[in-house]
């Protein structure tokens, strides 16, 4: 079993580093893989930014919420698959 990581805060550098295109890919991953776990957010999409952070429209949640949902499903984020966006 994969070890769980700590939740990402909405003001963390990791959450702040994601671009809108990266968040769109994460939403698609959540929609595709999350449906088997009952996560049905067919209307989820990026919704602009607030304080430089990309928002996801399923209640105007910060990208950290999306990252934490992916973590709960043990799905890799782009950062885990390709290296953190903070490193670029």
Protein backbone atom coordinates (compact mmCIF):
# COMPACT_ATOMS: atom_id res chain seq x y z
CA UNK A 1 0.00 0.00 0.00
CA UNK A 2 1.26 3.47 -0.86
CA UNK A 3 1.99 5.72 2.11
CA UNK A 4 -0.35 8.69 2.41
CA UNK A 5 1.19 12.12 2.29
CA UNK A 6 0.10 15.12 4.29
CA UNK A 7 -2.69 17.22 2.74
CA UNK A 8 -1.54 20.17 0.65
CA UNK A 9 -2.51 23.58 1.98
CA UNK A 10 -4.08 26.04 -0.45
CA UNK A 11 -1.20 28.47 0.18
CA UNK A 12 1.58 25.91 -0.33
CA UNK A 13 4.17 26.55 -3.06
CA UNK A 14 3.30 23.18 -4.64
CA UNK A 15 -0.36 24.14 -5.14
CA UNK A 16 0.60 27.62 -6.34
CA UNK A 17 2.95 26.27 -9.03
CA UNK A 18 0.33 24.47 -11.14
CA UNK A 19 -0.74 26.06 -14.42
CA UNK A 20 -4.32 26.05 -15.69
CA UNK A 21 -3.37 23.44 -18.34
CA UNK A 22 -1.88 21.16 -15.67
CA UNK A 23 -5.00 21.53 -13.53
CA UNK A 24 -7.18 20.68 -16.55
CA UNK A 25 -5.21 17.42 -16.93
CA UNK A 26 -5.63 16.64 -13.23
CA UNK A 27 -9.40 17.24 -13.48
CA UNK A 28 -9.62 14.86 -16.44
CA UNK A 29 -7.63 12.26 -14.47
CA UNK A 30 -9.99 12.66 -11.51
CA UNK A 31 -13.05 12.36 -13.77
CA UNK A 32 -11.70 9.27 -15.53
CA UNK A 33 -10.32 7.37 -12.56
CA UNK A 34 -12.42 8.80 -9.75
CA UNK A 35 -15.74 7.68 -11.19
CA UNK A 36 -15.11 4.11 -10.02
CA UNK A 37 -14.87 5.51 -6.47
CA UNK A 38 -18.04 7.55 -6.82
CA UNK A 39 -16.33 10.89 -7.49
CA UNK A 40 -18.63 12.28 -10.14
CA UNK A 41 -17.72 15.86 -11.01
CA UNK A 42 -18.55 15.93 -14.70
CA UNK A 43 -18.85 19.71 -14.61
CA UNK A 44 -15.54 20.30 -12.82
CA UNK A 45 -13.36 22.76 -14.70
CA UNK A 46 -10.82 25.43 -14.02
CA UNK A 47 -12.38 28.69 -12.91
CA UNK A 48 -9.80 31.46 -13.19
CA UNK A 49 -7.39 32.36 -10.45
CA UNK A 50 -7.43 33.95 -7.01
CA UNK A 51 -4.24 35.37 -5.54
CA UNK A 52 -2.29 33.66 -8.32
CA UNK A 53 -3.75 30.22 -7.62
CA UNK A 54 -5.79 28.29 -10.19
CA UNK A 55 -9.33 27.58 -8.95
CA UNK A 56 -11.34 24.46 -9.75
CA UNK A 57 -15.08 24.97 -10.14
CA UNK A 58 -16.76 22.40 -7.96
CA UNK A 59 -17.38 24.99 -5.32
CA UNK A 60 -14.49 27.31 -6.30
CA UNK A 61 -12.06 25.10 -4.45
CA UNK A 62 -8.31 25.76 -4.68
CA UNK A 63 -6.14 23.35 -6.65
CA UNK A 64 -4.99 21.87 -3.33
CA UNK A 65 -8.46 20.30 -2.98
CA UNK A 66 -8.02 18.55 -6.33
CA UNK A 67 -4.52 17.38 -5.38
CA UNK A 68 -5.81 16.05 -2.06
CA UNK A 69 -8.65 14.16 -3.80
CA UNK A 70 -6.14 12.57 -6.16
CA UNK A 71 -4.01 11.63 -3.16
CA UNK A 72 -7.00 9.98 -1.47
CA UNK A 73 -7.42 7.85 -4.59
CA UNK A 74 -3.66 7.15 -4.66
CA UNK A 75 -3.45 8.66 -8.14
CA UNK A 76 -0.18 10.34 -9.06
CA UNK A 77 -0.22 14.06 -9.69
CA UNK A 78 1.80 15.54 -12.56
CA UNK A 79 4.42 16.54 -10.00
CA UNK A 80 4.83 12.96 -8.82
CA UNK A 81 4.84 11.57 -12.34
CA UNK A 82 7.23 14.09 -13.87
CA UNK A 83 8.85 16.02 -11.02
CA UNK A 84 7.38 18.89 -9.04
CA UNK A 85 6.33 22.02 -10.95
CA UNK A 86 8.10 23.89 -8.16
CA UNK A 87 11.43 22.61 -9.51
CA UNK A 88 11.03 24.36 -12.88
